[in-house]
Protein backbone atom coordinates (compact mmCIF):
# COMPACT_ATOMS: atom_id res chain seq x y z
CA MET A 1 -2.85 30.17 2.48
CA PHE A 2 0.20 27.90 2.30
CA SER A 3 -1.28 25.48 4.84
CA LEU A 4 -4.59 25.43 2.96
CA ILE A 5 -2.96 24.67 -0.40
CA SER A 6 -0.72 22.06 1.24
CA ALA A 7 -3.78 20.40 2.78
CA GLY A 8 -5.44 20.42 -0.65
CA VAL A 9 -2.48 18.91 -2.48
CA ALA A 10 -1.27 16.36 0.09
CA PRO A 11 -3.99 13.65 -0.24
CA GLY A 12 -3.77 13.45 -4.02
CA VAL A 13 0.02 13.38 -4.07
CA ALA A 14 0.12 10.75 -1.32
CA LEU A 15 -2.33 8.47 -3.11
CA LEU A 16 -0.60 8.90 -6.47
CA SER A 17 2.76 8.12 -4.85
CA TYR A 18 1.28 4.97 -3.34
CA PHE A 19 0.00 3.64 -6.66
CA TYR A 20 3.14 4.74 -8.49
CA LEU A 21 5.46 2.95 -6.07
CA LYS A 22 3.38 -0.23 -6.30
CA ASP A 23 4.72 -0.77 -9.82
CA GLU A 24 7.26 -3.50 -9.14
CA TYR A 25 8.45 -4.21 -12.69
CA GLU A 26 9.49 -0.91 -14.21
CA ALA A 27 8.59 2.50 -12.84
CA GLU A 28 6.80 4.72 -15.35
CA PRO A 29 8.60 7.89 -16.52
CA LEU A 30 7.83 10.49 -13.87
CA SER A 31 7.58 13.21 -16.51
CA PHE A 32 4.80 11.33 -18.31
CA VAL A 33 2.97 10.60 -15.05
CA LEU A 34 3.13 14.28 -14.09
CA ARG A 35 1.94 15.28 -17.55
CA MET A 36 -1.16 13.13 -17.08
CA PHE A 37 -1.62 14.63 -13.60
CA LEU A 38 -1.59 18.12 -15.15
CA PHE A 39 -4.10 16.96 -17.78
CA GLY A 40 -6.37 16.06 -14.88
CA VAL A 41 -5.84 19.49 -13.31
CA LEU A 42 -6.81 21.22 -16.57
CA LEU A 43 -10.03 19.22 -16.80
CA VAL A 44 -11.49 20.91 -13.71
CA PHE A 45 -12.52 24.23 -15.23
CA PRO A 46 -14.33 22.99 -18.38
CA ILE A 47 -16.11 20.35 -16.32
CA MET A 48 -17.15 22.92 -13.72
CA PHE A 49 -18.49 25.17 -16.48
CA ILE A 50 -20.55 22.36 -18.05
CA GLN A 51 -21.88 21.37 -14.62
CA TYR A 52 -22.88 24.98 -13.99
CA VAL A 53 -24.77 25.10 -17.29
CA LEU A 54 -26.55 21.81 -16.54
CA THR A 55 -27.65 23.15 -13.17
CA GLU A 56 -28.77 26.54 -14.48
CA GLU A 57 -30.75 24.94 -17.30
CA GLY A 58 -32.49 22.59 -14.88
CA ILE A 59 -31.14 19.50 -16.62
CA ALA A 60 -29.58 18.14 -13.43
CA ALA A 61 -32.39 19.12 -11.10
CA SER A 62 -32.94 15.88 -9.17
CA PRO A 63 -30.38 14.18 -6.90
CA ALA A 64 -30.18 11.21 -9.29
CA ALA A 65 -29.63 13.44 -12.33
CA GLU A 66 -27.00 15.50 -10.52
CA ALA A 67 -25.23 12.38 -9.25
CA PHE A 68 -25.24 10.25 -12.39
CA LEU A 69 -25.33 12.88 -15.16
CA SER A 70 -23.68 16.08 -13.94
CA ALA A 71 -21.04 14.41 -11.76
CA ALA A 72 -20.42 10.76 -12.63
CA LEU A 73 -21.05 10.65 -16.39
CA LEU A 74 -19.31 13.91 -17.19
CA GLU A 75 -16.28 13.51 -14.93
CA GLU A 76 -15.59 9.84 -15.58
CA PHE A 77 -16.08 10.11 -19.33
CA VAL A 78 -13.67 13.03 -19.67
CA LYS A 79 -11.03 11.25 -17.56
CA TRP A 80 -11.57 8.03 -19.55
CA PHE A 81 -11.25 9.98 -22.80
CA VAL A 82 -7.88 11.44 -21.77
CA VAL A 83 -6.47 8.04 -20.78
CA TYR A 84 -7.78 6.35 -23.91
CA PHE A 85 -6.52 8.92 -26.41
CA PHE A 86 -3.24 9.96 -24.77
CA VAL A 87 -2.08 6.84 -22.92
CA TYR A 88 -3.72 3.67 -24.21
CA ASP A 89 -1.59 3.36 -27.38
CA HIS A 90 1.52 4.97 -25.89
CA ASP A 91 4.73 2.93 -25.79
CA GLU A 92 5.09 3.53 -22.04
CA PHE A 93 1.87 1.61 -21.41
CA ASP A 94 3.72 -1.71 -21.58
CA GLU A 95 2.28 -3.76 -18.69
CA PRO A 96 -1.23 -4.22 -17.22
CA TYR A 97 -0.53 -2.31 -14.00
CA ASP A 98 0.38 0.82 -15.97
CA GLY A 99 -3.31 1.40 -16.62
CA ILE A 100 -3.81 2.00 -12.91
CA VAL A 101 -0.85 4.39 -12.66
CA TYR A 102 -1.95 6.58 -15.55
CA SER A 103 -5.66 6.54 -14.72
CA ALA A 104 -4.82 7.51 -11.15
CA SER A 105 -2.59 10.32 -12.43
CA VAL A 106 -5.40 11.91 -14.43
CA SER A 107 -8.04 11.36 -11.78
CA LEU A 108 -5.93 12.63 -8.88
CA GLY A 109 -4.88 15.71 -10.86
CA PHE A 110 -8.57 16.50 -11.21
CA ALA A 111 -9.30 15.67 -7.56
CA THR A 112 -6.39 17.78 -6.29
CA LEU A 113 -7.41 21.04 -7.93
CA GLU A 114 -11.05 20.39 -7.08
CA ASN A 115 -9.99 19.85 -3.47
CA ILE A 116 -7.97 23.08 -3.35
CA LEU A 117 -10.89 25.09 -4.72
CA TYR A 118 -13.26 23.53 -2.19
CA LEU A 119 -10.92 24.29 0.72
CA LEU A 120 -10.52 27.89 -0.47
CA ALA A 121 -14.30 28.27 -0.38
CA ASN A 122 -15.05 26.31 2.80
CA GLY A 123 -11.94 26.42 4.95
CA VAL A 124 -9.11 24.10 5.91
CA GLU A 125 -11.20 22.45 8.65
CA THR A 126 -12.88 20.36 5.94
CA ALA A 127 -9.55 18.95 4.71
CA ILE A 128 -9.66 15.63 6.58
CA ALA A 129 -13.18 14.77 5.44
CA ARG A 130 -12.26 15.74 1.88
CA ALA A 131 -9.18 13.51 1.95
CA PHE A 132 -11.13 10.46 3.10
CA LEU A 133 -14.14 10.93 0.82
CA PRO A 134 -13.88 12.89 -2.48
CA VAL A 135 -10.14 12.58 -3.07
CA SER A 136 -10.00 8.92 -2.05
CA SER A 137 -13.09 8.05 -4.06
CA HIS A 138 -11.65 9.63 -7.23
CA ALA A 139 -8.50 7.56 -6.72
CA LEU A 140 -10.46 4.34 -6.20
CA PHE A 141 -12.68 4.90 -9.23
CA SER A 142 -9.51 5.39 -11.26
CA VAL A 143 -8.07 2.08 -10.02
CA ILE A 144 -11.12 0.29 -11.40
CA MET A 145 -10.81 2.23 -14.66
CA GLY A 146 -7.08 1.55 -14.98
CA PHE A 147 -7.41 -2.13 -14.17
CA TYR A 148 -9.77 -2.67 -17.09
CA PHE A 149 -7.66 -0.47 -19.37
CA GLY A 150 -4.79 -2.85 -18.57
CA LYS A 151 -6.99 -5.86 -19.31
CA ALA A 152 -8.10 -4.35 -22.62
CA LYS A 153 -4.56 -3.45 -23.68
CA PHE A 154 -3.09 -6.92 -23.17
CA ALA A 155 -6.02 -9.32 -23.41
CA ALA A 156 -6.10 -11.64 -26.39
CA LYS A 157 -9.91 -11.57 -26.40
CA LYS A 158 -12.80 -9.40 -25.20
CA ARG A 159 -10.90 -6.12 -25.56
CA ARG A 160 -14.05 -4.18 -26.38
CA TYR A 161 -15.75 -5.64 -23.31
CA TYR A 162 -12.87 -4.51 -21.06
CA LEU A 163 -12.85 -1.04 -22.62
CA TRP A 164 -16.55 -0.66 -21.89
CA ALA A 165 -15.95 -1.90 -18.34
CA SER A 166 -13.16 0.66 -17.89
CA PHE A 167 -15.74 3.42 -18.32
CA LEU A 168 -19.05 1.96 -17.15
CA LEU A 169 -17.91 0.60 -13.78
CA PRO A 170 -16.27 3.85 -12.57
CA PHE A 171 -19.27 5.78 -13.89
CA PHE A 172 -21.72 3.60 -11.96
CA LEU A 173 -19.68 3.64 -8.74
CA HIS A 174 -19.20 7.40 -8.94
CA GLY A 175 -22.93 7.86 -9.51
CA VAL A 176 -23.80 5.73 -6.49
CA TYR A 177 -21.29 7.66 -4.37
CA ASP A 178 -22.78 11.06 -5.26
CA TRP A 179 -26.35 9.79 -5.01
CA LEU A 180 -25.69 8.60 -1.46
CA LEU A 181 -24.39 12.05 -0.56
CA LEU A 182 -27.27 13.89 -2.17
CA ALA A 183 -30.29 11.65 -1.62
CA LYS A 184 -29.77 9.92 1.73
CA GLU A 185 -30.50 11.79 4.96
CA ARG A 186 -28.19 9.62 7.04
CA TRP A 187 -25.66 9.24 4.26
CA GLY A 188 -22.80 8.55 6.68
CA TYR A 189 -24.07 5.05 7.49
CA TYR A 190 -24.35 4.10 3.83
CA MET A 191 -21.15 5.87 2.84
CA GLY A 192 -19.06 4.03 5.40
CA VAL A 193 -20.11 0.66 4.00
CA PHE A 194 -19.74 1.88 0.42
CA MET A 195 -16.21 3.24 0.95
CA LEU A 196 -15.03 0.11 2.74
CA ALA A 197 -16.33 -2.03 -0.14
CA LEU A 198 -14.74 0.33 -2.67
CA TRP A 199 -11.34 0.19 -0.93
CA TRP A 200 -11.55 -3.60 -0.79
CA ALA A 201 -12.42 -3.86 -4.49
CA ALA A 202 -9.74 -1.36 -5.58
CA LEU A 203 -6.93 -2.93 -3.56
CA ARG A 204 -7.95 -6.33 -4.91
CA LYS A 205 -7.66 -4.94 -8.45
CA VAL A 206 -4.20 -3.55 -7.61
CA LYS A 207 -3.10 -6.98 -6.41
CA GLN A 208 -4.56 -8.70 -9.47
CA ALA A 209 -2.92 -6.25 -11.89
CA LYS A 210 0.45 -6.70 -10.20
CA GLY A 211 0.06 -10.47 -10.43
CA TYR A 212 -0.48 -10.61 -14.17
CA ALA A 213 2.52 -11.79 -16.14
CA ARG A 214 4.36 -8.98 -17.81
CA PRO A 215 3.70 -9.09 -21.58
CA GLN A 216 6.60 -10.58 -23.46
CA ALA A 217 7.77 -9.51 -26.89
CA VAL A 218 6.84 -11.94 -29.64
CA PRO A 219 10.08 -13.60 -30.87
CA PRO A 220 10.93 -13.06 -34.53
CA VAL A 221 10.16 -15.88 -36.93
CA LYS A 222 13.33 -17.56 -38.15
CA SER A 223 13.85 -17.87 -41.86
CA GLN A 224 13.55 -21.42 -43.23
CA ALA A 225 15.95 -20.70 -46.09
């Protein structure tokens, strides 16, 4: 049991540590990062319940509906909602890269508990495949989400556009990922290309977010008296 839980936790913790340590300006408070991680953990059970209802009611009957509605739309919206309402206006979100750290925290909390439950049901022999596909994909979707949250927070213009992008792009990518798994017979060929492209895009966003100038405080206006 210990080895199974360790195998379930390790990929999410490793990926979160990677993105956390990439913050070169000022590390985020670990307590706040862990709080967002636990938020992600708590999202698993209500999402699983809603997905169960959608399946039982026949609403997500086709591979496309299951991929884009039951999985991508529901999961990415709830994660986006948590980041937007609990992090976006928080004082600790004080540089563009922080969006990636906090989005990854929520997403990898969700992915970690989901991974543990899957390993409990299917055995530890699936751990490596789970680490490279579902857990990694959740992390990479969150990088895209967090990058555009950072753009929205500190951009002088087009904030609404970036906020929409922070939800719609992860939703679309997540939907494509699940659709490939569900609808394609030889999904491995397509998934390999998709994951390579997703890693390339996410690491590029990490580099771009780190390269943005850290926002500076506006200097006070001197009195002319």
